[in-house]
C-alpha atoms as a PDB file:
ATOM      1  CA  MET A   1      13.039  13.479   9.022  1.00  0.00           C
ATOM      2  CA  ASN A   2      14.666  14.872   5.676  1.00  0.00           C
ATOM      3  CA  LYS A   3      13.257  17.951   4.916  1.00  0.00           C
ATOM      4  CA  SER A   4      15.310  18.761   1.788  1.00  0.00           C
ATOM      5  CA  VAL A   5      13.067  17.785  -0.775  1.00  0.00           C
ATOM      6  CA  GLU A   6       9.730  17.169   1.710  1.00  0.00           C
ATOM      7  CA  GLN A   7       8.286  20.607   2.500  1.00  0.00           C
ATOM      8  CA  HIS A   8       6.068  20.195  -0.184  1.00  0.00           C
ATOM      9  CA  ASP A   9       2.379  20.978   1.508  1.00  0.00           C
ATOM     10  CA  LEU A  10       0.422  17.834   1.801  1.00  0.00           C
ATOM     11  CA  GLY A  11      -2.378  20.348   1.639  1.00  0.00           C
ATOM     12  CA  LYS A  12      -5.791  20.302   4.111  1.00  0.00           C
ATOM     13  CA  HIS A  13      -8.275  18.187   2.844  1.00  0.00           C
ATOM     14  CA  ARG A  14     -12.122  17.288   3.859  1.00  0.00           C
ATOM     15  CA  ARG A  15     -13.341  13.995   4.710  1.00  0.00           C
ATOM     16  CA  HIS A  16     -14.254  11.695   1.645  1.00  0.00           C
ATOM     17  CA  SER A  17     -16.850   8.840   1.978  1.00  0.00           C
ATOM     18  CA  ARG A  18     -15.038   5.755   1.419  1.00  0.00           C
ATOM     19  CA  LYS A  19     -18.253   3.712   0.878  1.00  0.00           C
ATOM     20  CA  GLY A  20     -17.503   1.487  -1.909  1.00  0.00           C
ATOM     21  CA  PHE A  21     -13.925   2.888  -2.014  1.00  0.00           C
ATOM     22  CA  SER A  22     -11.277   0.537  -3.701  1.00  0.00           C
ATOM     23  CA  ALA A  23      -7.786   1.362  -3.889  1.00  0.00           C
ATOM     24  CA  GLN A  24      -7.179  -1.268  -6.596  1.00  0.00           C
ATOM     25  CA  PRO A  25      -6.661   0.573 -10.248  1.00  0.00           C
ATOM     26  CA  ASN A  26      -9.880   1.279 -12.053  1.00  0.00           C
ATOM     27  CA  ALA A  27     -11.174   3.291 -14.738  1.00  0.00           C
ATOM     28  CA  ASP A  28     -12.471   5.986 -11.992  1.00  0.00           C
ATOM     29  CA  GLU A  29      -8.938   6.450 -10.868  1.00  0.00           C
ATOM     30  CA  SER A  30      -7.839   8.244 -13.970  1.00  0.00           C
ATOM     31  CA  SER A  31     -10.444  11.128 -12.873  1.00  0.00           C
ATOM     32  CA  TYR A  32      -8.862  11.268  -9.060  1.00  0.00           C
ATOM     33  CA  VAL A  33      -8.462  14.617  -7.878  1.00  0.00           C
ATOM     34  CA  PRO A  34      -7.700  14.990  -3.789  1.00  0.00           C
ATOM     35  CA  CYS A  35      -9.664  17.651  -2.623  1.00  0.00           C
ATOM     36  CA  ARG A  36      -8.030  21.173  -1.821  1.00  0.00           C
ATOM     37  CA  SER A  37     -10.418  23.102  -0.126  1.00  0.00           C
ATOM     38  CA  GLY A  38      -8.187  23.605   3.028  1.00  0.00           C
ATOM     39  CA  ASP A  39     -11.226  22.404   5.274  1.00  0.00           C
ATOM     40  CA  CYS A  40     -10.067  19.938   7.092  1.00  0.00           C
ATOM     41  CA  ALA A  41     -12.359  20.289  10.178  1.00  0.00           C
ATOM     42  CA  GLN A  42     -14.013  17.302   9.223  1.00  0.00           C
ATOM     43  CA  CYS A  43     -10.678  15.217   8.588  1.00  0.00           C
ATOM     44  CA  PRO A  44     -10.293  12.463  11.557  1.00  0.00           C
ATOM     45  CA  SER A  45      -6.519  13.032  12.829  1.00  0.00           C
ATOM     46  CA  TYR A  46      -5.633  10.298  10.470  1.00  0.00           C
ATOM     47  CA  ASP A  47      -7.668  10.168   7.436  1.00  0.00           C
ATOM     48  CA  LEU A  48      -5.265  10.512   4.018  1.00  0.00           C
ATOM     49  CA  CYS A  49      -8.140  11.700   2.567  1.00  0.00           C
ATOM     50  CA  ARG A  50      -7.717   9.739  -0.880  1.00  0.00           C
ATOM     51  CA  LYS A  51      -4.221  10.671  -1.516  1.00  0.00           C
ATOM     52  CA  ARG A  52      -2.065   8.805  -3.297  1.00  0.00           C
ATOM     53  CA  VAL A  53       0.991   7.135  -1.174  1.00  0.00           C
ATOM     54  CA  LEU A  54       3.722   5.919  -3.011  1.00  0.00           C
ATOM     55  CA  ILE A  55       5.924   3.318  -1.220  1.00  0.00           C
ATOM     56  CA  VAL A  56       9.407   2.772  -3.266  1.00  0.00           C
ATOM     57  CA  GLY A  57      11.050  -0.309  -2.163  1.00  0.00           C
ATOM     58  CA  GLY A  58      10.963  -1.656   1.374  1.00  0.00           C
ATOM     59  CA  ILE A  59      10.432  -5.243   1.666  1.00  0.00           C
ATOM     60  CA  GLU A  60       8.358  -6.786  -1.322  1.00  0.00           C
ATOM     61  CA  ARG A  61       6.591  -9.253   0.877  1.00  0.00           C
ATOM     62  CA  MET A  62       5.139  -6.685   3.076  1.00  0.00           C
ATOM     63  CA  GLU A  63       3.305  -4.928   0.171  1.00  0.00           C
ATOM     64  CA  LYS A  64      -0.214  -6.178   1.336  1.00  0.00           C
ATOM     65  CA  ALA A  65       1.022  -5.049   4.978  1.00  0.00           C
ATOM     66  CA  TYR A  66       1.940  -1.485   3.224  1.00  0.00           C
ATOM     67  CA  ARG A  67      -1.601  -1.475   0.915  1.00  0.00           C
ATOM     68  CA  LYS A  68      -3.529  -2.071   4.205  1.00  0.00           C
ATOM     69  CA  LEU A  69      -2.253   0.557   6.227  1.00  0.00           C
ATOM     70  CA  VAL A  70      -2.672   3.228   3.244  1.00  0.00           C
ATOM     71  CA  GLU A  71      -6.463   1.797   2.628  1.00  0.00           C
ATOM     72  CA  GLU A  72      -7.380   1.845   5.851  1.00  0.00           C
ATOM     73  CA  ARG A  73      -6.395   5.481   6.494  1.00  0.00           C
ATOM     74  CA  GLY A  74      -8.597   6.474   3.148  1.00  0.00           C
ATOM     75  CA  GLY A  75      -5.276   6.556   0.961  1.00  0.00           C
ATOM     76  CA  ILE A  76      -4.972   5.246  -2.703  1.00  0.00           C
ATOM     77  CA  PHE A  77      -1.711   2.658  -2.504  1.00  0.00           C
ATOM     78  CA  GLU A  78       0.692   2.241  -5.186  1.00  0.00           C
ATOM     79  CA  TYR A  79       4.101   0.733  -4.874  1.00  0.00           C
ATOM     80  CA  HIS A  80       7.433   0.450  -6.756  1.00  0.00           C
ATOM     81  CA  ALA A  81       9.576  -2.300  -5.486  1.00  0.00           C
ATOM     82  CA  GLY A  82      12.880  -0.085  -6.524  1.00  0.00           C
ATOM     83  CA  HIS A  83      14.403  -1.585  -9.198  1.00  0.00           C
ATOM     84  CA  MET A  84      16.014   0.187 -11.418  1.00  0.00           C
ATOM     85  CA  LYS A  85      17.393  -1.665 -14.301  1.00  0.00           C
ATOM     86  CA  SER A  86      13.788  -2.405 -15.701  1.00  0.00           C
ATOM     87  CA  GLY A  87      12.087   0.167 -13.495  1.00  0.00           C
ATOM     88  CA  GLY A  88      13.305   3.603 -14.112  1.00  0.00           C
ATOM     89  CA  LYS A  89      10.505   4.658 -16.321  1.00  0.00           C
ATOM     90  CA  GLY A  90       7.587   2.818 -14.289  1.00  0.00           C
ATOM     91  CA  LEU A  91       9.019   4.550 -11.414  1.00  0.00           C
ATOM     92  CA  GLU A  92       9.081   8.039 -12.821  1.00  0.00           C
ATOM     93  CA  ASN A  93       5.175   7.726 -13.878  1.00  0.00           C
ATOM     94  CA  SER A  94       4.366   6.377 -10.068  1.00  0.00           C
ATOM     95  CA  VAL A  95       6.032   9.436  -8.754  1.00  0.00           C
ATOM     96  CA  GLN A  96       4.574  11.862 -11.285  1.00  0.00           C
ATOM     97  CA  ARG A  97       1.076  10.443 -10.207  1.00  0.00           C
ATOM     98  CA  ALA A  98       1.904  10.633  -6.050  1.00  0.00           C
ATOM     99  CA  ASP A  99       0.806  13.049  -3.422  1.00  0.00           C
ATOM    100  CA  LEU A 100       3.373  11.595  -1.337  1.00  0.00           C
ATOM    101  CA  VAL A 101       6.557   9.575  -1.746  1.00  0.00           C
ATOM    102  CA  LEU A 102       8.375   6.969   0.900  1.00  0.00           C
ATOM    103  CA  CYS A 103      11.659   5.615   0.255  1.00  0.00           C
ATOM    104  CA  PRO A 104      12.958   3.707   2.992  1.00  0.00           C
ATOM    105  CA  VAL A 105      16.836   4.062   2.420  1.00  0.00           C
ATOM    106  CA  ASN A 106      17.836   0.776   4.130  1.00  0.00           C
ATOM    107  CA  CYS A 107      16.513  -1.452   1.475  1.00  0.00           C
ATOM    108  CA  ASN A 108      17.139   0.544  -1.276  1.00  0.00           C
ATOM    109  CA  SER A 109      19.870   0.953  -3.587  1.00  0.00           C
ATOM    110  CA  HIS A 110      22.010   4.519  -3.625  1.00  0.00           C
ATOM    111  CA  GLY A 111      21.139   4.866  -7.067  1.00  0.00           C
ATOM    112  CA  ALA A 112      17.245   4.286  -6.471  1.00  0.00           C
ATOM    113  CA  CYS A 113      17.263   6.496  -3.731  1.00  0.00           C
ATOM    114  CA  LEU A 114      18.968   9.458  -5.629  1.00  0.00           C
ATOM    115  CA  LYS A 115      16.287   8.857  -8.531  1.00  0.00           C
ATOM    116  CA  VAL A 116      13.790   9.026  -6.016  1.00  0.00           C
ATOM    117  CA  LYS A 117      14.875  12.342  -4.671  1.00  0.00           C
ATOM    118  CA  SER A 118      15.482  13.752  -8.293  1.00  0.00           C
ATOM    119  CA  LEU A 119      11.788  12.829  -9.335  1.00  0.00           C
ATOM    120  CA  GLY A 120      10.176  14.294  -6.409  1.00  0.00           C
ATOM    121  CA  LYS A 121      12.112  17.570  -7.219  1.00  0.00           C
ATOM    122  CA  LYS A 122      11.418  17.303 -11.028  1.00  0.00           C
ATOM    123  CA  PHE A 123       7.449  16.674 -10.426  1.00  0.00           C
ATOM    124  CA  LYS A 124       7.327  18.920  -7.253  1.00  0.00           C
ATOM    125  CA  LYS A 125       6.365  15.705  -5.312  1.00  0.00           C
ATOM    126  CA  PRO A 126       6.875  15.385  -1.305  1.00  0.00           C
ATOM    127  CA  VAL A 127       9.573  12.610  -1.226  1.00  0.00           C
ATOM    128  CA  HIS A 128      10.433  11.334   2.493  1.00  0.00           C
ATOM    129  CA  MET A 129      13.364   9.018   2.811  1.00  0.00           C
ATOM    130  CA  LEU A 130      12.412   6.730   5.948  1.00  0.00           C
ATOM    131  CA  SER A 131      15.886   5.428   8.143  1.00  0.00           C
ATOM    132  CA  ASN A 132      13.521   1.853   7.588  1.00  0.00           C
ATOM    133  CA  PHE A 133      11.021  -0.326   6.296  1.00  0.00           C
ATOM    134  CA  SER A 134       8.733  -0.660   9.372  1.00  0.00           C
ATOM    135  CA  LEU A 135       5.548  -0.291   9.247  1.00  0.00           C
ATOM    136  CA  SER A 136       5.254   1.612  12.335  1.00  0.00           C
ATOM    137  CA  ALA A 137       8.027   3.821  10.273  1.00  0.00           C
ATOM    138  CA  VAL A 138       5.352   4.325   7.585  1.00  0.00           C
ATOM    139  CA  ALA A 139       3.076   5.215   9.895  1.00  0.00           C
ATOM    140  CA  ARG A 140       4.312   7.514  11.801  1.00  0.00           C
ATOM    141  CA  THR A 141       5.810   9.478   9.058  1.00  0.00           C
ATOM    142  CA  MET A 142       2.278   9.805   7.647  1.00  0.00           C
ATOM    143  CA  GLU A 143       0.763  10.614  10.640  1.00  0.00           C
ATOM    144  CA  ARG A 144       3.658  13.268  11.669  1.00  0.00           C
ATOM    145  CA  LEU A 145       2.927  14.695   8.030  1.00  0.00           C
ATOM    146  CA  HIS A 146      -0.903  14.910   8.453  1.00  0.00           C
ATOM    147  CA  ALA A 147      -0.583  16.770  12.417  1.00  0.00           C
ATOM    148  CA  ALA A 148       1.813  19.072  10.674  1.00  0.00           C
ATOM    149  CA  ASN A 149      -1.096  20.715   8.057  1.00  0.00           C
END
């Protein structure tokens, strides 16, 4: 795990009710604030507690699978394809909103990876560079981060 940017604490969070929960953008999402109580005794071992997880790049056709993985674990999913020509400002906005940024290096350009790292530093967001885009790599990283807290 690359620890140069990632050492930002994911925080400990108590379990949130997911009844009627939808990670699709809606009017309520603008008021989203993850709990910062430090009381995680109620959290299951792998509950993202409504953290916003941004995946930059990856294989675009896998976006639905990434979404399912994050949402099934109580997170809010966001995706940026990693295209830098027209997506630079969108990437900046997405990183700023995120609680956790995952960026697989094997399917992103060098420029996109550098931009993600610099935006993570700028906005003090945990950025994790993944060696590949697989669902298992994403799941292992999220689980490892949650277990470390």
